[in-house]
């Protein structure tokens, strides 16, 4: 899994190109849990969309981060592997 590779490599800066809420939630979770210690940004492959600073997102929403992954799974992830 790409997100685990980010945590394993321990890069100081990472840019993830993805247009998926599941990836966003996983990145936020692993940054919050300190499994990913570098600065993580996410951008959509669709031109014109903005960058999302995952570290800032996790910090601003720290009150819900402990339950975000479970809540996302229970409410239904937006995509699934086929």
PDB file of N, CA and C in Angstrom:
ATOM      1  N   UNK A   1       0.843  -1.167   0.000  1.00  0.00           N
ATOM      2  CA  UNK A   1       0.000   0.000   0.000  1.00  0.00           C
ATOM      3  C   UNK A   1       0.893   1.236   0.000  1.00  0.00           C
ATOM      4  N   UNK A   2       0.557   2.186  -0.817  1.00  0.00           N
ATOM      5  CA  UNK A   2       1.371   3.386  -0.998  1.00  0.00           C
ATOM      6  C   UNK A   2       1.560   4.145   0.308  1.00  0.00           C
ATOM      7  N   UNK A   3       0.524   4.246   1.105  1.00  0.00           N
ATOM      8  CA  UNK A   3       0.601   5.032   2.334  1.00  0.00           C
ATOM      9  C   UNK A   3       1.571   4.397   3.322  1.00  0.00           C
ATOM     10  N   UNK A   4       1.585   3.097   3.410  1.00  0.00           N
ATOM     11  CA  UNK A   4       2.546   2.408   4.275  1.00  0.00           C
ATOM     12  C   UNK A   4       3.970   2.605   3.757  1.00  0.00           C
ATOM     13  N   UNK A   5       4.144   2.679   2.437  1.00  0.00           N
ATOM     14  CA  UNK A   5       5.467   2.923   1.870  1.00  0.00           C
ATOM     15  C   UNK A   5       5.966   4.310   2.254  1.00  0.00           C
ATOM     16  N   UNK A   6       5.057   5.284   2.280  1.00  0.00           N
ATOM     17  CA  UNK A   6       5.427   6.638   2.698  1.00  0.00           C
ATOM     18  C   UNK A   6       5.943   6.599   4.131  1.00  0.00           C
ATOM     19  N   UNK A   7       5.235   5.892   4.988  1.00  0.00           N
ATOM     20  CA  UNK A   7       5.639   5.791   6.393  1.00  0.00           C
ATOM     21  C   UNK A   7       6.980   5.072   6.516  1.00  0.00           C
ATOM     22  N   UNK A   8       7.179   4.032   5.725  1.00  0.00           N
ATOM     23  CA  UNK A   8       8.401   3.234   5.806  1.00  0.00           C
ATOM     24  C   UNK A   8       9.625   4.021   5.342  1.00  0.00           C
ATOM     25  N   UNK A   9       9.476   4.735   4.235  1.00  0.00           N
ATOM     26  CA  UNK A   9      10.602   5.475   3.668  1.00  0.00           C
ATOM     27  C   UNK A   9      11.001   6.635   4.573  1.00  0.00           C
ATOM     28  N   UNK A  10      10.028   7.285   5.187  1.00  0.00           N
ATOM     29  CA  UNK A  10      10.327   8.390   6.094  1.00  0.00           C
ATOM     30  C   UNK A  10      10.788   9.651   5.395  1.00  0.00           C
ATOM     31  N   UNK A  11      10.285   9.903   4.192  1.00  0.00           N
ATOM     32  CA  UNK A  11      10.656  11.110   3.452  1.00  0.00           C
ATOM     33  C   UNK A  11      10.205  12.360   4.200  1.00  0.00           C
ATOM     34  N   UNK A  12      10.957  13.443   4.046  1.00  0.00           N
ATOM     35  CA  UNK A  12      10.607  14.682   4.746  1.00  0.00           C
ATOM     36  C   UNK A  12       9.455  15.409   4.061  1.00  0.00           C
ATOM     37  N   UNK A  13       9.288  15.220   2.760  1.00  0.00           N
ATOM     38  CA  UNK A  13       8.186  15.829   2.016  1.00  0.00           C
ATOM     39  C   UNK A  13       7.642  14.820   1.015  1.00  0.00           C
ATOM     40  N   UNK A  14       6.307  14.746   0.951  1.00  0.00           N
ATOM     41  CA  UNK A  14       5.660  13.793   0.052  1.00  0.00           C
ATOM     42  C   UNK A  14       4.506  14.490  -0.654  1.00  0.00           C
ATOM     43  N   UNK A  15       4.392  14.274  -1.962  1.00  0.00           N
ATOM     44  CA  UNK A  15       3.252  14.759  -2.730  1.00  0.00           C
ATOM     45  C   UNK A  15       2.512  13.539  -3.257  1.00  0.00           C
ATOM     46  N   UNK A  16       1.264  13.385  -2.846  1.00  0.00           N
ATOM     47  CA  UNK A  16       0.434  12.264  -3.273  1.00  0.00           C
ATOM     48  C   UNK A  16      -0.544  12.780  -4.319  1.00  0.00           C
ATOM     49  N   UNK A  17      -0.536  12.161  -5.491  1.00  0.00           N
ATOM     50  CA  UNK A  17      -1.462  12.537  -6.554  1.00  0.00           C
ATOM     51  C   UNK A  17      -2.599  11.528  -6.542  1.00  0.00           C
ATOM     52  N   UNK A  18      -3.760  11.986  -6.084  1.00  0.00           N
ATOM     53  CA  UNK A  18      -4.924  11.108  -5.975  1.00  0.00           C
ATOM     54  C   UNK A  18      -6.179  11.961  -5.905  1.00  0.00           C
ATOM     55  N   UNK A  19      -7.271  11.406  -6.360  1.00  0.00           N
ATOM     56  CA  UNK A  19      -8.559  12.094  -6.316  1.00  0.00           C
ATOM     57  C   UNK A  19      -9.546  11.161  -5.620  1.00  0.00           C
ATOM     58  N   UNK A  20      -9.282  10.875  -4.352  1.00  0.00           N
ATOM     59  CA  UNK A  20     -10.043   9.853  -3.659  1.00  0.00           C
ATOM     60  C   UNK A  20     -10.132  10.174  -2.174  1.00  0.00           C
ATOM     61  N   UNK A  21     -11.334  10.181  -1.645  1.00  0.00           N
ATOM     62  CA  UNK A  21     -11.553  10.460  -0.230  1.00  0.00           C
ATOM     63  C   UNK A  21     -10.903   9.404   0.650  1.00  0.00           C
ATOM     64  N   UNK A  22     -10.903   8.156   0.216  1.00  0.00           N
ATOM     65  CA  UNK A  22     -10.281   7.090   1.006  1.00  0.00           C
ATOM     66  C   UNK A  22      -8.799   7.382   1.234  1.00  0.00           C
ATOM     67  N   UNK A  23      -8.109   7.827   0.204  1.00  0.00           N
ATOM     68  CA  UNK A  23      -6.687   8.155   0.323  1.00  0.00           C
ATOM     69  C   UNK A  23      -6.508   9.329   1.285  1.00  0.00           C
ATOM     70  N   UNK A  24      -7.368  10.337   1.170  1.00  0.00           N
ATOM     71  CA  UNK A  24      -7.309  11.494   2.069  1.00  0.00           C
ATOM     72  C   UNK A  24      -7.465  11.066   3.525  1.00  0.00           C
ATOM     73  N   UNK A  25      -8.460  10.235   3.793  1.00  0.00           N
ATOM     74  CA  UNK A  25      -8.714   9.777   5.166  1.00  0.00           C
ATOM     75  C   UNK A  25      -7.530   8.970   5.690  1.00  0.00           C
ATOM     76  N   UNK A  26      -6.991   8.075   4.877  1.00  0.00           N
ATOM     77  CA  UNK A  26      -5.842   7.271   5.306  1.00  0.00           C
ATOM     78  C   UNK A  26      -4.617   8.139   5.578  1.00  0.00           C
ATOM     79  N   UNK A  27      -4.368   9.100   4.701  1.00  0.00           N
ATOM     80  CA  UNK A  27      -3.234   9.996   4.921  1.00  0.00           C
ATOM     81  C   UNK A  27      -3.398  10.779   6.220  1.00  0.00           C
ATOM     82  N   UNK A  28      -4.588  11.334   6.435  1.00  0.00           N
ATOM     83  CA  UNK A  28      -4.846  12.077   7.675  1.00  0.00           C
ATOM     84  C   UNK A  28      -4.635  11.189   8.897  1.00  0.00           C
ATOM     85  N   UNK A  29      -5.135   9.971   8.824  1.00  0.00           N
ATOM     86  CA  UNK A  29      -5.001   9.043   9.951  1.00  0.00           C
ATOM     87  C   UNK A  29      -3.533   8.762  10.274  1.00  0.00           C
ATOM     88  N   UNK A  30      -2.757   8.426   9.262  1.00  0.00           N
ATOM     89  CA  UNK A  30      -1.363   8.056   9.504  1.00  0.00           C
ATOM     90  C   UNK A  30      -0.501   9.252   9.887  1.00  0.00           C
ATOM     91  N   UNK A  31      -0.837  10.442   9.412  1.00  0.00           N
ATOM     92  CA  UNK A  31      -0.130  11.644   9.867  1.00  0.00           C
ATOM     93  C   UNK A  31      -0.482  11.909  11.327  1.00  0.00           C
ATOM     94  N   UNK A  32      -1.761  11.797  11.670  1.00  0.00           N
ATOM     95  CA  UNK A  32      -2.212  12.020  13.047  1.00  0.00           C
ATOM     96  C   UNK A  32      -1.564  11.034  14.015  1.00  0.00           C
ATOM     97  N   UNK A  33      -1.470   9.786  13.616  1.00  0.00           N
ATOM     98  CA  UNK A  33      -0.884   8.745  14.471  1.00  0.00           C
ATOM     99  C   UNK A  33       0.644   8.777  14.466  1.00  0.00           C
ATOM    100  N   UNK A  34       1.219   9.704  13.717  1.00  0.00           N
ATOM    101  CA  UNK A  34       2.675   9.893  13.600  1.00  0.00           C
ATOM    102  C   UNK A  34       3.380   8.738  12.911  1.00  0.00           C
ATOM    103  N   UNK A  35       2.644   7.926  12.169  1.00  0.00           N
ATOM    104  CA  UNK A  35       3.282   6.893  11.353  1.00  0.00           C
ATOM    105  C   UNK A  35       3.988   7.538  10.161  1.00  0.00           C
ATOM    106  N   UNK A  36       3.437   8.648   9.689  1.00  0.00           N
ATOM    107  CA  UNK A  36       4.067   9.446   8.641  1.00  0.00           C
ATOM    108  C   UNK A  36       4.531  10.729   9.318  1.00  0.00           C
ATOM    109  N   UNK A  37       5.832  10.955   9.327  1.00  0.00           N
ATOM    110  CA  UNK A  37       6.370  12.097  10.063  1.00  0.00           C
ATOM    111  C   UNK A  37       6.718  13.281   9.176  1.00  0.00           C
ATOM    112  N   UNK A  38       6.762  13.088   7.875  1.00  0.00           N
ATOM    113  CA  UNK A  38       7.109  14.176   6.968  1.00  0.00           C
ATOM    114  C   UNK A  38       5.910  15.050   6.633  1.00  0.00           C
ATOM    115  N   UNK A  39       6.160  16.060   5.815  1.00  0.00           N
ATOM    116  CA  UNK A  39       5.104  16.960   5.360  1.00  0.00           C
ATOM    117  C   UNK A  39       4.424  16.315   4.149  1.00  0.00           C
ATOM    118  N   UNK A  40       3.114  16.141   4.222  1.00  0.00           N
ATOM    119  CA  UNK A  40       2.373  15.444   3.168  1.00  0.00           C
ATOM    120  C   UNK A  40       1.377  16.397   2.518  1.00  0.00           C
ATOM    121  N   UNK A  41       1.436  16.457   1.205  1.00  0.00           N
ATOM    122  CA  UNK A  41       0.481  17.231   0.415  1.00  0.00           C
ATOM    123  C   UNK A  41      -0.232  16.265  -0.522  1.00  0.00           C
ATOM    124  N   UNK A  42      -1.485  16.562  -0.814  1.00  0.00           N
ATOM    125  CA  UNK A  42      -2.266  15.744  -1.744  1.00  0.00           C
ATOM    126  C   UNK A  42      -2.819  16.662  -2.823  1.00  0.00           C
ATOM    127  N   UNK A  43      -2.770  16.203  -4.057  1.00  0.00           N
ATOM    128  CA  UNK A  43      -3.309  16.971  -5.176  1.00  0.00           C
ATOM    129  C   UNK A  43      -4.042  16.015  -6.107  1.00  0.00           C
ATOM    130  N   UNK A  44      -5.094  16.509  -6.698  1.00  0.00           N
ATOM    131  CA  UNK A  44      -5.868  15.718  -7.651  1.00  0.00           C
ATOM    132  C   UNK A  44      -5.157  15.688  -8.998  1.00  0.00           C
ATOM    133  N   UNK A  45      -5.312  14.600  -9.745  1.00  0.00           N
ATOM    134  CA  UNK A  45      -4.755  14.573 -11.095  1.00  0.00           C
ATOM    135  C   UNK A  45      -5.547  15.455 -12.062  1.00  0.00           C
ATOM    136  N   UNK A  46      -6.711  15.935 -11.636  1.00  0.00           N
ATOM    137  CA  UNK A  46      -7.537  16.815 -12.462  1.00  0.00           C
ATOM    138  C   UNK A  46      -6.956  18.224 -12.397  1.00  0.00           C
ATOM    139  N   UNK A  47      -6.671  18.812 -13.543  1.00  0.00           N
ATOM    140  CA  UNK A  47      -6.065  20.148 -13.587  1.00  0.00           C
ATOM    141  C   UNK A  47      -6.986  21.182 -12.954  1.00  0.00           C
ATOM    142  N   UNK A  48      -6.369  22.137 -12.288  1.00  0.00           N
ATOM    143  CA  UNK A  48      -7.116  23.248 -11.717  1.00  0.00           C
ATOM    144  C   UNK A  48      -7.576  23.044 -10.285  1.00  0.00           C
ATOM    145  N   UNK A  49      -7.407  21.866  -9.752  1.00  0.00           N
ATOM    146  CA  UNK A  49      -7.796  21.626  -8.361  1.00  0.00           C
ATOM    147  C   UNK A  49      -6.647  22.002  -7.444  1.00  0.00           C
ATOM    148  N   UNK A  50      -6.983  22.384  -6.226  1.00  0.00           N
ATOM    149  CA  UNK A  50      -5.967  22.873  -5.297  1.00  0.00           C
ATOM    150  C   UNK A  50      -5.259  21.733  -4.564  1.00  0.00           C
ATOM    151  N   UNK A  51      -4.145  22.082  -3.946  1.00  0.00           N
ATOM    152  CA  UNK A  51      -3.392  21.160  -3.113  1.00  0.00           C
ATOM    153  C   UNK A  51      -4.040  21.103  -1.736  1.00  0.00           C
ATOM    154  N   UNK A  52      -3.978  19.950  -1.100  1.00  0.00           N
ATOM    155  CA  UNK A  52      -4.482  19.789   0.265  1.00  0.00           C
ATOM    156  C   UNK A  52      -3.289  19.472   1.153  1.00  0.00           C
ATOM    157  N   UNK A  53      -3.105  20.273   2.178  1.00  0.00           N
ATOM    158  CA  UNK A  53      -2.035  20.044   3.144  1.00  0.00           C
ATOM    159  C   UNK A  53      -2.560  19.069   4.195  1.00  0.00           C
ATOM    160  N   UNK A  54      -2.122  17.834   4.125  1.00  0.00           N
ATOM    161  CA  UNK A  54      -2.619  16.781   5.016  1.00  0.00           C
ATOM    162  C   UNK A  54      -2.243  17.065   6.469  1.00  0.00           C
ATOM    163  N   UNK A  55      -1.047  17.560   6.701  1.00  0.00           N
ATOM    164  CA  UNK A  55      -0.619  17.857   8.070  1.00  0.00           C
ATOM    165  C   UNK A  55      -1.520  18.907   8.708  1.00  0.00           C
ATOM    166  N   UNK A  56      -1.856  19.948   7.959  1.00  0.00           N
ATOM    167  CA  UNK A  56      -2.736  20.999   8.469  1.00  0.00           C
ATOM    168  C   UNK A  56      -4.141  20.448   8.684  1.00  0.00           C
ATOM    169  N   UNK A  57      -4.618  19.622   7.763  1.00  0.00           N
ATOM    170  CA  UNK A  57      -5.954  19.025   7.909  1.00  0.00           C
ATOM    171  C   UNK A  57      -6.041  18.183   9.176  1.00  0.00           C
ATOM    172  N   UNK A  58      -5.021  17.376   9.423  1.00  0.00           N
ATOM    173  CA  UNK A  58      -5.013  16.531  10.624  1.00  0.00           C
ATOM    174  C   UNK A  58      -4.924  17.378  11.889  1.00  0.00           C
ATOM    175  N   UNK A  59      -4.129  18.438  11.839  1.00  0.00           N
ATOM    176  CA  UNK A  59      -3.973  19.302  13.013  1.00  0.00           C
ATOM    177  C   UNK A  59      -5.258  20.073  13.320  1.00  0.00           C
ATOM    178  N   UNK A  60      -5.875  20.645  12.291  1.00  0.00           N
ATOM    179  CA  UNK A  60      -7.097  21.429  12.495  1.00  0.00           C
ATOM    180  C   UNK A  60      -8.258  20.575  12.989  1.00  0.00           C
ATOM    181  N   UNK A  61      -8.245  19.298  12.649  1.00  0.00           N
ATOM    182  CA  UNK A  61      -9.345  18.405  13.009  1.00  0.00           C
ATOM    183  C   UNK A  61      -8.930  17.366  14.040  1.00  0.00           C
ATOM    184  N   UNK A  62      -7.971  17.712  14.892  1.00  0.00           N
ATOM    185  CA  UNK A  62      -7.426  16.744  15.849  1.00  0.00           C
ATOM    186  C   UNK A  62      -8.483  16.166  16.785  1.00  0.00           C
ATOM    187  N   UNK A  63      -9.576  16.896  17.030  1.00  0.00           N
ATOM    188  CA  UNK A  63     -10.627  16.395  17.928  1.00  0.00           C
ATOM    189  C   UNK A  63     -11.329  15.150  17.387  1.00  0.00           C
ATOM    190  N   UNK A  64     -11.385  15.015  16.071  1.00  0.00           N
ATOM    191  CA  UNK A  64     -12.088  13.872  15.475  1.00  0.00           C
ATOM    192  C   UNK A  64     -11.144  12.850  14.852  1.00  0.00           C
ATOM    193  N   UNK A  65      -9.859  13.167  14.804  1.00  0.00           N
ATOM    194  CA  UNK A  65      -8.918  12.298  14.101  1.00  0.00           C
ATOM    195  C   UNK A  65      -8.826  10.897  14.698  1.00  0.00           C
ATOM    196  N   UNK A  66      -8.986  10.770  15.988  1.00  0.00           N
ATOM    197  CA  UNK A  66      -8.905   9.453  16.615  1.00  0.00           C
ATOM    198  C   UNK A  66      -9.998   8.505  16.173  1.00  0.00           C
ATOM    199  N   UNK A  67     -11.099   9.055  15.688  1.00  0.00           N
ATOM    200  CA  UNK A  67     -12.241   8.235  15.265  1.00  0.00           C
ATOM    201  C   UNK A  67     -12.508   8.301  13.765  1.00  0.00           C
ATOM    202  N   UNK A  68     -11.727   9.091  13.040  1.00  0.00           N
ATOM    203  CA  UNK A  68     -12.011   9.326  11.622  1.00  0.00           C
ATOM    204  C   UNK A  68     -11.973   8.052  10.782  1.00  0.00           C
ATOM    205  N   UNK A  69     -10.951   7.246  10.960  1.00  0.00           N
ATOM    206  CA  UNK A  69     -10.801   6.041  10.143  1.00  0.00           C
ATOM    207  C   UNK A  69     -11.965   5.078  10.367  1.00  0.00           C
ATOM    208  N   UNK A  70     -12.322   4.856  11.615  1.00  0.00           N
ATOM    209  CA  UNK A  70     -13.443   3.958  11.927  1.00  0.00           C
ATOM    210  C   UNK A  70     -14.757   4.528  11.408  1.00  0.00           C
ATOM    211  N   UNK A  71     -14.966   5.820  11.601  1.00  0.00           N
ATOM    212  CA  UNK A  71     -16.207   6.446  11.133  1.00  0.00           C
ATOM    213  C   UNK A  71     -16.322   6.372   9.620  1.00  0.00           C
ATOM    214  N   UNK A  72     -15.220   6.562   8.935  1.00  0.00           N
ATOM    215  CA  UNK A  72     -15.228   6.485   7.469  1.00  0.00           C
ATOM    216  C   UNK A  72     -15.572   5.070   7.007  1.00  0.00           C
ATOM    217  N   UNK A  73     -15.023   4.082   7.682  1.00  0.00           N
ATOM    218  CA  UNK A  73     -15.319   2.689   7.334  1.00  0.00           C
ATOM    219  C   UNK A  73     -16.753   2.301   7.624  1.00  0.00           C
ATOM    220  N   UNK A  74     -17.279   2.744   8.764  1.00  0.00           N
ATOM    221  CA  UNK A  74     -18.648   2.396   9.158  1.00  0.00           C
ATOM    222  C   UNK A  74     -19.675   3.067   8.254  1.00  0.00           C
ATOM    223  N   UNK A  75     -19.412   4.316   7.879  1.00  0.00           N
ATOM    224  CA  UNK A  75     -20.376   5.046   7.049  1.00  0.00           C
ATOM    225  C   UNK A  75     -20.278   4.667   5.584  1.00  0.00           C
ATOM    226  N   UNK A  76     -19.288   3.889   5.237  1.00  0.00           N
ATOM    227  CA  UNK A  76     -19.153   3.429   3.859  1.00  0.00           C
ATOM    228  C   UNK A  76     -18.099   4.214   3.123  1.00  0.00           C
ATOM    229  N   UNK A  77     -17.021   3.559   2.799  1.00  0.00           N
ATOM    230  CA  UNK A  77     -15.971   4.202   2.023  1.00  0.00           C
ATOM    231  C   UNK A  77     -16.537   4.556   0.658  1.00  0.00           C
ATOM    232  N   UNK A  78     -16.001   5.596   0.047  1.00  0.00           N
ATOM    233  CA  UNK A  78     -16.576   6.084  -1.201  1.00  0.00           C
ATOM    234  C   UNK A  78     -16.253   5.213  -2.406  1.00  0.00           C
ATOM    235  N   UNK A  79     -15.190   4.435  -2.340  1.00  0.00           N
ATOM    236  CA  UNK A  79     -14.830   3.560  -3.459  1.00  0.00           C
ATOM    237  C   UNK A  79     -14.420   2.199  -2.921  1.00  0.00           C
ATOM    238  N   UNK A  80     -14.356   1.232  -3.797  1.00  0.00           N
ATOM    239  CA  UNK A  80     -13.904  -0.094  -3.394  1.00  0.00           C
ATOM    240  C   UNK A  80     -13.177  -0.738  -4.556  1.00  0.00           C
ATOM    241  N   UNK A  81     -12.285  -1.634  -4.233  1.00  0.00           N
ATOM    242  CA  UNK A  81     -11.516  -2.335  -5.258  1.00  0.00           C
ATOM    243  C   UNK A  81     -12.412  -3.326  -5.986  1.00  0.00           C
ATOM    244  N   UNK A  82     -12.205  -3.439  -7.284  1.00  0.00           N
ATOM    245  CA  UNK A  82     -12.995  -4.396  -8.068  1.00  0.00           C
ATOM    246  C   UNK A  82     -12.107  -5.471  -8.644  1.00  0.00           C
TER     247      UNK A  82
END
